[in-house]
């Protein structure tokens, strides 16, 4: 969720976590004078620090979260394979 806190600052909250959980706040977004925004990531996300708008930042976070859940974990066999004799 994108939450505006001042006319030029937003925070991105992850609503899967309660407000008192440190994982609730994902990033702080600041509007720059040259019509871009700069992001301070509060989670370890491999994303850019400059975007065109705050909404683009939110879309990128949503895309990243969707991609991380796109595949199931790979099952690890409980025993190593046996050699053919």
N, C-alpha and C. Protein backbone atom coordinates (compact mmCIF):
# COMPACT_ATOMS: atom_id res chain seq x y z
N UNK A 1 0.85 -1.17 0.00
CA UNK A 1 0.00 0.00 0.00
C UNK A 1 0.89 1.23 0.00
N UNK A 2 0.57 2.20 -0.83
CA UNK A 2 1.29 3.46 -0.89
C UNK A 2 0.56 4.46 0.00
N UNK A 3 1.27 5.02 0.97
CA UNK A 3 0.66 5.93 1.94
C UNK A 3 1.41 7.26 1.91
N UNK A 4 0.71 8.34 1.55
CA UNK A 4 1.33 9.66 1.51
C UNK A 4 1.40 10.23 2.92
N UNK A 5 2.60 10.69 3.31
CA UNK A 5 2.74 11.27 4.65
C UNK A 5 2.96 12.78 4.61
N UNK A 6 3.47 13.31 3.50
CA UNK A 6 3.57 14.76 3.26
C UNK A 6 3.31 14.96 1.76
N UNK A 7 3.22 16.21 1.29
CA UNK A 7 3.01 16.41 -0.15
C UNK A 7 4.10 15.82 -1.04
N UNK A 8 5.29 15.57 -0.49
CA UNK A 8 6.38 15.05 -1.31
C UNK A 8 7.01 13.76 -0.77
N UNK A 9 6.36 13.11 0.20
CA UNK A 9 6.92 11.89 0.80
C UNK A 9 5.82 10.83 0.97
N UNK A 10 6.21 9.58 0.69
CA UNK A 10 5.31 8.44 0.85
C UNK A 10 6.05 7.32 1.56
N UNK A 11 5.29 6.38 2.09
CA UNK A 11 5.86 5.12 2.56
C UNK A 11 5.07 4.00 1.88
N UNK A 12 5.77 2.89 1.66
CA UNK A 12 5.12 1.70 1.12
C UNK A 12 5.02 0.70 2.26
N UNK A 13 3.79 0.28 2.57
CA UNK A 13 3.54 -0.66 3.65
C UNK A 13 3.14 -2.01 3.08
N UNK A 14 3.63 -3.06 3.74
CA UNK A 14 3.26 -4.43 3.40
C UNK A 14 2.16 -4.85 4.37
N UNK A 15 0.95 -4.93 3.87
CA UNK A 15 -0.21 -5.19 4.74
C UNK A 15 -0.30 -6.63 5.22
N UNK A 16 0.63 -7.48 4.77
CA UNK A 16 0.66 -8.86 5.29
C UNK A 16 1.19 -8.90 6.71
N UNK A 17 1.81 -7.82 7.16
CA UNK A 17 2.41 -7.76 8.50
C UNK A 17 1.72 -6.68 9.32
N UNK A 18 1.59 -6.88 10.64
CA UNK A 18 0.97 -5.86 11.48
C UNK A 18 1.84 -4.60 11.56
N UNK A 19 1.24 -3.49 11.95
CA UNK A 19 1.96 -2.22 12.00
C UNK A 19 3.15 -2.23 12.95
N UNK A 20 3.12 -3.05 13.97
CA UNK A 20 4.25 -3.08 14.93
C UNK A 20 5.37 -4.02 14.48
N UNK A 21 5.22 -4.65 13.32
CA UNK A 21 6.24 -5.54 12.77
C UNK A 21 7.17 -4.72 11.88
N UNK A 22 8.50 -4.83 12.06
CA UNK A 22 9.43 -4.05 11.23
C UNK A 22 9.30 -4.31 9.73
N UNK A 23 8.76 -5.46 9.34
CA UNK A 23 8.58 -5.78 7.92
C UNK A 23 7.40 -5.05 7.30
N UNK A 24 6.60 -4.38 8.12
CA UNK A 24 5.42 -3.65 7.64
C UNK A 24 5.82 -2.51 6.69
N UNK A 25 6.89 -1.79 6.99
CA UNK A 25 7.35 -0.68 6.16
C UNK A 25 8.41 -1.19 5.19
N UNK A 26 8.13 -1.08 3.90
CA UNK A 26 9.01 -1.61 2.86
C UNK A 26 9.99 -0.55 2.39
N UNK A 27 9.50 0.69 2.19
CA UNK A 27 10.35 1.73 1.63
C UNK A 27 9.79 3.11 1.94
N UNK A 28 10.67 4.10 1.88
CA UNK A 28 10.29 5.51 1.95
C UNK A 28 10.58 6.10 0.57
N UNK A 29 9.64 6.88 0.05
CA UNK A 29 9.76 7.46 -1.28
C UNK A 29 9.71 8.98 -1.15
N UNK A 30 10.68 9.66 -1.78
CA UNK A 30 10.81 11.11 -1.70
C UNK A 30 10.76 11.71 -3.10
N UNK A 31 9.94 12.73 -3.28
CA UNK A 31 9.86 13.40 -4.57
C UNK A 31 11.04 14.34 -4.71
N UNK A 32 11.71 14.29 -5.86
CA UNK A 32 12.83 15.16 -6.15
C UNK A 32 12.36 16.35 -6.99
N UNK A 33 13.17 17.38 -7.07
CA UNK A 33 12.81 18.58 -7.81
C UNK A 33 12.69 18.33 -9.31
N UNK A 34 13.39 17.34 -9.83
CA UNK A 34 13.39 17.09 -11.27
C UNK A 34 12.35 16.05 -11.70
N UNK A 35 11.21 16.04 -11.08
CA UNK A 35 10.06 15.18 -11.40
C UNK A 35 10.37 13.69 -11.34
N UNK A 36 11.28 13.30 -10.50
CA UNK A 36 11.55 11.89 -10.22
C UNK A 36 11.35 11.68 -8.73
N UNK A 37 11.34 10.41 -8.34
CA UNK A 37 11.31 10.09 -6.91
C UNK A 37 12.52 9.23 -6.58
N UNK A 38 12.97 9.35 -5.35
CA UNK A 38 14.08 8.55 -4.85
C UNK A 38 13.57 7.65 -3.74
N UNK A 39 14.06 6.43 -3.71
CA UNK A 39 13.57 5.42 -2.76
C UNK A 39 14.65 5.06 -1.77
N UNK A 40 14.28 5.00 -0.51
CA UNK A 40 15.14 4.42 0.52
C UNK A 40 14.49 3.09 0.90
N UNK A 41 15.16 2.00 0.52
CA UNK A 41 14.62 0.67 0.78
C UNK A 41 14.90 0.26 2.21
N UNK A 42 13.87 -0.20 2.90
CA UNK A 42 14.02 -0.67 4.28
C UNK A 42 14.03 -2.20 4.34
N UNK A 43 13.95 -2.81 3.18
CA UNK A 43 14.11 -4.26 3.03
C UNK A 43 15.18 -4.48 1.99
N UNK A 44 15.76 -5.66 2.01
CA UNK A 44 16.80 -5.99 1.06
C UNK A 44 16.16 -6.44 -0.25
N UNK A 45 15.82 -5.45 -1.10
CA UNK A 45 15.22 -5.74 -2.39
C UNK A 45 16.16 -5.27 -3.50
N UNK A 46 16.38 -6.10 -4.51
CA UNK A 46 17.29 -5.72 -5.60
C UNK A 46 16.59 -4.82 -6.61
N UNK A 47 16.16 -3.64 -6.17
CA UNK A 47 15.43 -2.72 -7.04
C UNK A 47 16.16 -1.38 -7.11
N UNK A 48 15.78 -0.57 -8.09
CA UNK A 48 16.42 0.72 -8.32
C UNK A 48 16.10 1.71 -7.19
N UNK A 49 16.83 2.81 -7.16
CA UNK A 49 16.56 3.84 -6.14
C UNK A 49 15.90 5.07 -6.74
N UNK A 50 15.76 5.14 -8.07
CA UNK A 50 15.08 6.26 -8.72
C UNK A 50 14.01 5.75 -9.68
N UNK A 51 12.84 6.40 -9.63
CA UNK A 51 11.71 6.06 -10.48
C UNK A 51 11.03 7.35 -10.92
N UNK A 52 10.13 7.22 -11.89
CA UNK A 52 9.40 8.39 -12.38
C UNK A 52 8.36 8.88 -11.39
N UNK A 53 7.63 7.94 -10.76
CA UNK A 53 6.58 8.31 -9.81
C UNK A 53 6.58 7.33 -8.64
N UNK A 54 5.90 7.71 -7.58
CA UNK A 54 5.76 6.83 -6.41
C UNK A 54 4.95 5.59 -6.78
N UNK A 55 3.99 5.74 -7.70
CA UNK A 55 3.17 4.60 -8.11
C UNK A 55 4.00 3.56 -8.86
N UNK A 56 5.01 4.01 -9.61
CA UNK A 56 5.90 3.06 -10.28
C UNK A 56 6.68 2.23 -9.27
N UNK A 57 7.05 2.85 -8.15
CA UNK A 57 7.76 2.12 -7.10
C UNK A 57 6.86 1.03 -6.53
N UNK A 58 5.62 1.39 -6.24
CA UNK A 58 4.66 0.43 -5.71
C UNK A 58 4.45 -0.72 -6.68
N UNK A 59 4.30 -0.42 -7.97
CA UNK A 59 4.12 -1.47 -8.98
C UNK A 59 5.32 -2.41 -9.01
N UNK A 60 6.52 -1.85 -8.87
CA UNK A 60 7.73 -2.68 -8.90
C UNK A 60 7.78 -3.61 -7.68
N UNK A 61 7.39 -3.10 -6.52
CA UNK A 61 7.35 -3.93 -5.31
C UNK A 61 6.33 -5.06 -5.48
N UNK A 62 5.16 -4.72 -6.00
CA UNK A 62 4.12 -5.74 -6.21
C UNK A 62 4.58 -6.79 -7.21
N UNK A 63 5.25 -6.35 -8.28
CA UNK A 63 5.76 -7.29 -9.27
C UNK A 63 6.81 -8.21 -8.64
N UNK A 64 7.67 -7.65 -7.81
CA UNK A 64 8.73 -8.43 -7.16
C UNK A 64 8.12 -9.46 -6.20
N UNK A 65 7.12 -9.07 -5.45
CA UNK A 65 6.48 -10.01 -4.52
C UNK A 65 5.75 -11.09 -5.28
N UNK A 66 5.12 -10.76 -6.40
CA UNK A 66 4.44 -11.76 -7.22
C UNK A 66 5.41 -12.75 -7.82
N UNK A 67 6.57 -12.28 -8.26
CA UNK A 67 7.57 -13.16 -8.86
C UNK A 67 8.18 -14.10 -7.84
N UNK A 68 8.31 -13.63 -6.61
CA UNK A 68 8.93 -14.49 -5.60
C UNK A 68 8.03 -15.64 -5.20
N UNK A 69 6.71 -15.52 -5.47
CA UNK A 69 5.78 -16.59 -5.13
C UNK A 69 5.34 -17.36 -6.36
N UNK A 70 5.97 -17.12 -7.50
CA UNK A 70 5.52 -17.69 -8.76
C UNK A 70 5.75 -19.20 -8.85
N UNK A 71 6.78 -19.71 -8.22
CA UNK A 71 7.06 -21.14 -8.33
C UNK A 71 7.09 -21.78 -6.95
N UNK A 72 6.79 -23.06 -6.94
CA UNK A 72 6.83 -23.81 -5.68
C UNK A 72 8.27 -24.16 -5.36
N UNK A 73 8.59 -24.37 -4.10
CA UNK A 73 9.94 -24.80 -3.74
C UNK A 73 10.25 -26.17 -4.36
N UNK A 74 11.50 -26.39 -4.67
CA UNK A 74 11.93 -27.67 -5.24
C UNK A 74 12.07 -28.68 -4.10
N UNK A 75 11.41 -29.82 -4.26
CA UNK A 75 11.47 -30.86 -3.22
C UNK A 75 12.84 -31.54 -3.24
N UNK A 76 13.40 -31.72 -2.08
CA UNK A 76 14.68 -32.40 -1.95
C UNK A 76 14.41 -33.83 -1.48
N UNK A 77 14.91 -34.84 -2.20
CA UNK A 77 14.64 -36.21 -1.78
C UNK A 77 15.24 -36.49 -0.40
N UNK A 78 14.57 -37.34 0.34
CA UNK A 78 15.04 -37.65 1.69
C UNK A 78 16.25 -38.58 1.69
N UNK A 79 16.45 -39.32 0.57
CA UNK A 79 17.60 -40.22 0.45
C UNK A 79 18.31 -39.94 -0.87
N UNK A 80 19.62 -40.12 -0.89
CA UNK A 80 20.32 -39.96 -2.18
C UNK A 80 19.93 -41.09 -3.13
N UNK A 81 20.04 -40.85 -4.44
CA UNK A 81 19.70 -41.91 -5.38
C UNK A 81 20.68 -43.08 -5.24
N UNK A 82 20.16 -44.29 -5.47
CA UNK A 82 21.01 -45.49 -5.38
C UNK A 82 21.68 -45.73 -6.73
N UNK A 83 22.88 -46.27 -6.66
CA UNK A 83 23.62 -46.59 -7.88
C UNK A 83 23.01 -47.82 -8.53
N UNK A 84 22.95 -47.81 -9.85
CA UNK A 84 22.47 -48.99 -10.57
C UNK A 84 23.56 -50.06 -10.57
N UNK A 85 23.17 -51.29 -10.34
CA UNK A 85 24.17 -52.39 -10.33
C UNK A 85 23.93 -53.35 -11.44
